Amino acid sequence: MCMYFFSCFFDAAPQKELYGGIGQTTPQPIQKPMSKEKKDKNFIKKPIYEGGPRALKAFIGQNLRYPKAALEEKIEGTVVLKYSIDYKGKVVDAKVVSGLGHGCDEEAIRLARMLKFEVPRTRGVKVLFHKDIKIHFRLPKQKPQPAKKISASTVQYTYTEQKKGTPDKPAPKKDGEGYSYTVSF
């Protein structure tokens, strides 16, 4: 009996052994149950400006009014704001973190209060969101002064007829003349 055990163990031909009570020759992997759907990482979703960051920049560029006091003083720089967005997507509070003065801070607050965000549903919870924004104040580029209009240059033609047999002599040049042409027929 012991010999039979060894011969069966080292036998190259597959023996029908019972795996899982079915009588298969090779074991089958156990199938895992279907994986669950992934849940969102964030329980509370953040508000998004409709159109994305490019639209936000475009909105600020179109509605920014450079303050007169800052223009006179030639003030340039960046105003950093911290603002709060309510559950409806409106900006309810805006505070200057670092400002420039000369009316730039007030203009930045005015712009921030005009913003309207899209707030996803947060399971019925009314949440107040806080965000930061940098508003850049750059002096408008001055239009280049139009160059003085140069009067159209005048062209003067002189027609001189020569008789046959007379040698061609170039006309005497005056100061300020550019070119002369001789045409022979």
Protein backbone atom coordinates (compact mmCIF):
# COMPACT_ATOMS: atom_id res chain seq x y z
CA MET A 1 0.00 0.00 0.00
CA CYS A 2 2.80 2.32 0.64
CA MET A 3 4.24 1.58 -2.79
CA TYR A 4 0.97 2.37 -4.45
CA PHE A 5 0.88 5.76 -2.72
CA PHE A 6 4.33 6.66 -4.05
CA SER A 7 3.59 5.44 -7.55
CA CYS A 8 0.36 7.41 -7.63
CA PHE A 9 2.09 10.52 -6.33
CA PHE A 10 4.89 10.45 -8.93
CA ASP A 11 2.76 9.20 -11.81
CA ALA A 12 3.07 11.53 -14.86
CA ALA A 13 -0.39 10.77 -16.17
CA PRO A 14 -3.08 12.92 -14.57
CA GLN A 15 -5.26 11.03 -12.22
CA LYS A 16 -8.84 11.99 -11.74
CA GLU A 17 -8.97 13.44 -8.33
CA LEU A 18 -11.85 15.18 -6.79
CA TYR A 19 -11.54 18.95 -6.49
CA GLY A 20 -14.55 20.52 -4.98
CA GLY A 21 -16.46 17.25 -5.33
CA ILE A 22 -16.96 17.62 -9.11
CA GLY A 23 -14.23 15.34 -10.46
CA GLN A 24 -12.15 17.90 -12.37
CA THR A 25 -8.53 17.28 -13.32
CA THR A 26 -7.35 20.84 -12.58
CA PRO A 27 -8.55 23.21 -9.91
CA GLN A 28 -10.52 26.27 -11.09
CA PRO A 29 -9.89 29.68 -9.53
CA ILE A 30 -12.56 30.93 -7.22
CA GLN A 31 -14.45 33.80 -8.81
CA LYS A 32 -14.61 37.01 -6.82
CA PRO A 33 -17.93 38.78 -6.48
CA MET A 34 -18.42 41.78 -8.77
CA SER A 35 -16.59 44.86 -7.55
CA LYS A 36 -18.69 47.65 -6.11
CA GLU A 37 -18.99 50.99 -7.86
CA LYS A 38 -16.43 53.54 -6.74
CA LYS A 39 -17.79 56.27 -4.56
CA ASP A 40 -16.69 59.87 -4.88
CA LYS A 41 -13.60 60.79 -2.93
CA ASN A 42 -15.14 63.97 -1.64
CA PHE A 43 -18.33 63.82 0.32
CA ILE A 44 -18.98 67.49 -0.34
CA LYS A 45 -18.46 68.61 -3.93
CA LYS A 46 -16.85 71.98 -4.61
CA PRO A 47 -18.57 74.80 -6.50
CA ILE A 48 -17.49 75.33 -10.10
CA TYR A 49 -17.59 78.53 -12.14
CA GLU A 50 -19.76 77.84 -15.18
CA GLY A 51 -17.40 77.54 -18.14
CA GLY A 52 -14.30 76.75 -16.09
CA PRO A 53 -11.18 78.79 -15.30
CA ARG A 54 -10.91 80.27 -18.80
CA ALA A 55 -14.41 81.67 -18.59
CA LEU A 56 -13.62 83.08 -15.14
CA LYS A 57 -10.55 84.89 -16.50
CA ALA A 58 -12.56 86.18 -19.45
CA PHE A 59 -15.31 87.47 -17.14
CA ILE A 60 -12.79 89.32 -14.97
CA GLY A 61 -11.05 90.76 -18.04
CA GLN A 62 -14.32 92.07 -19.47
CA ASN A 63 -15.69 93.56 -16.25
CA LEU A 64 -12.50 94.95 -14.68
CA ARG A 65 -12.55 98.75 -14.51
CA TYR A 66 -9.15 100.18 -13.70
CA PRO A 67 -9.59 102.78 -10.92
CA LYS A 68 -8.74 106.38 -11.90
CA ALA A 69 -6.55 106.91 -8.83
CA ALA A 70 -4.49 103.83 -9.70
CA LEU A 71 -4.14 105.00 -13.31
CA GLU A 72 -2.92 108.42 -12.20
CA GLU A 73 -0.39 106.87 -9.82
CA LYS A 74 0.50 104.13 -12.35
CA ILE A 75 -0.17 101.37 -9.81
CA GLU A 76 0.19 97.76 -10.99
CA GLY A 77 0.01 94.52 -9.04
CA THR A 78 -2.16 91.71 -7.74
CA VAL A 79 -5.00 91.79 -5.23
CA VAL A 80 -5.59 88.54 -3.33
CA LEU A 81 -9.14 87.97 -2.06
CA LYS A 82 -10.77 85.37 0.16
CA TYR A 83 -14.48 85.00 -0.57
CA SER A 84 -17.36 82.82 0.58
CA ILE A 85 -19.91 81.08 -1.65
CA ASP A 86 -23.30 80.08 -0.24
CA TYR A 87 -25.27 76.98 -1.14
CA LYS A 88 -27.01 78.85 -3.99
CA GLY A 89 -23.70 79.78 -5.70
CA LYS A 90 -23.68 83.48 -4.79
CA VAL A 91 -20.64 85.21 -3.31
CA VAL A 92 -21.80 86.45 0.09
CA ASP A 93 -18.56 87.75 1.60
CA ALA A 94 -15.23 88.95 0.20
CA LYS A 95 -12.18 90.12 2.13
CA VAL A 96 -8.84 91.43 0.90
CA VAL A 97 -5.88 89.29 1.98
CA SER A 98 -3.25 91.47 0.28
CA GLY A 99 -4.13 94.61 -1.62
CA LEU A 100 -2.75 97.53 -3.57
CA GLY A 101 -4.89 100.43 -2.44
CA HIS A 102 -5.82 103.38 -4.72
CA GLY A 103 -9.24 101.81 -5.40
CA CYS A 104 -7.91 98.45 -6.68
CA ASP A 105 -9.06 96.58 -3.55
CA GLU A 106 -12.62 97.89 -3.85
CA GLU A 107 -12.72 97.02 -7.55
CA ALA A 108 -11.54 93.47 -6.83
CA ILE A 109 -14.26 93.04 -4.17
CA ARG A 110 -16.88 94.39 -6.62
CA LEU A 111 -15.77 91.83 -9.23
CA ALA A 112 -15.80 88.95 -6.74
CA ARG A 113 -19.35 89.78 -5.64
CA MET A 114 -20.49 89.61 -9.29
CA LEU A 115 -19.33 85.98 -9.65
CA LYS A 116 -21.96 83.24 -9.83
CA PHE A 117 -20.98 79.60 -9.23
CA GLU A 118 -22.66 76.28 -9.94
CA VAL A 119 -22.92 74.31 -6.69
CA PRO A 120 -23.61 70.56 -6.95
CA ARG A 121 -26.16 69.05 -4.57
CA THR A 122 -24.59 68.01 -1.29
CA ARG A 123 -27.23 65.63 0.04
CA GLY A 124 -29.45 68.41 1.32
CA VAL A 125 -26.73 70.05 3.45
CA LYS A 126 -26.38 73.81 3.10
CA VAL A 127 -22.65 74.41 2.94
CA LEU A 128 -20.67 77.66 2.89
CA PHE A 129 -17.57 77.36 0.67
CA HIS A 130 -14.42 79.50 0.98
CA LYS A 131 -12.13 80.23 -1.97
CA ASP A 132 -9.20 82.46 -2.84
CA ILE A 133 -8.70 84.41 -6.05
CA LYS A 134 -5.93 86.60 -7.44
CA ILE A 135 -6.99 89.56 -9.55
CA HIS A 136 -4.18 91.13 -11.57
CA PHE A 137 -4.15 94.85 -12.27
CA ARG A 138 -1.94 95.71 -15.24
CA LEU A 139 -1.78 99.16 -16.77
CA PRO A 140 -3.51 99.23 -20.14
CA LYS A 141 -1.11 99.31 -23.04
CA GLN A 142 -0.98 102.73 -24.57
CA LYS A 143 -1.80 102.89 -28.22
CA PRO A 144 1.24 103.93 -30.23
CA GLN A 145 1.05 107.48 -31.46
CA PRO A 146 0.29 107.48 -35.16
CA ALA A 147 3.34 108.57 -37.11
CA LYS A 148 3.11 111.88 -38.85
CA LYS A 149 1.58 111.38 -42.20
CA ILE A 150 4.18 111.68 -44.87
CA SER A 151 2.80 113.38 -47.88
CA ALA A 152 2.66 111.18 -50.91
CA SER A 153 5.87 111.51 -52.86
CA THR A 154 5.48 113.23 -56.14
CA VAL A 155 6.74 111.77 -59.35
CA GLN A 156 7.79 114.04 -62.13
CA TYR A 157 8.17 112.87 -65.71
CA THR A 158 10.10 114.72 -68.38
CA TYR A 159 9.65 113.73 -72.00
CA THR A 160 12.37 114.83 -74.39
CA GLU A 161 12.47 113.88 -78.05
CA GLN A 162 15.84 113.36 -79.70
CA LYS A 163 16.53 113.37 -83.38
CA LYS A 164 18.10 110.36 -85.02
CA GLY A 165 21.85 110.49 -85.15
CA THR A 166 22.36 112.61 -82.03
CA PRO A 167 24.14 110.87 -79.19
CA ASP A 168 22.18 110.08 -76.02
CA LYS A 169 23.13 112.38 -73.20
CA PRO A 170 21.72 111.86 -69.76
CA ALA A 171 19.79 114.79 -68.39
CA PRO A 172 21.63 116.74 -65.72
CA LYS A 173 20.74 115.59 -62.20
CA LYS A 174 19.42 117.97 -59.63
CA ASP A 175 19.94 117.51 -55.91
CA GLY A 176 17.19 115.38 -54.40
CA GLU A 177 16.48 113.41 -57.56
CA GLY A 178 16.51 109.66 -57.09
CA TYR A 179 16.49 107.99 -60.49
CA SER A 180 16.52 108.71 -64.17
CA TYR A 181 15.58 106.48 -67.07
CA THR A 182 16.30 106.71 -70.76
CA VAL A 183 14.04 104.90 -73.18
CA SER A 184 15.04 104.58 -76.81
CA PHE A 185 12.64 103.56 -79.63
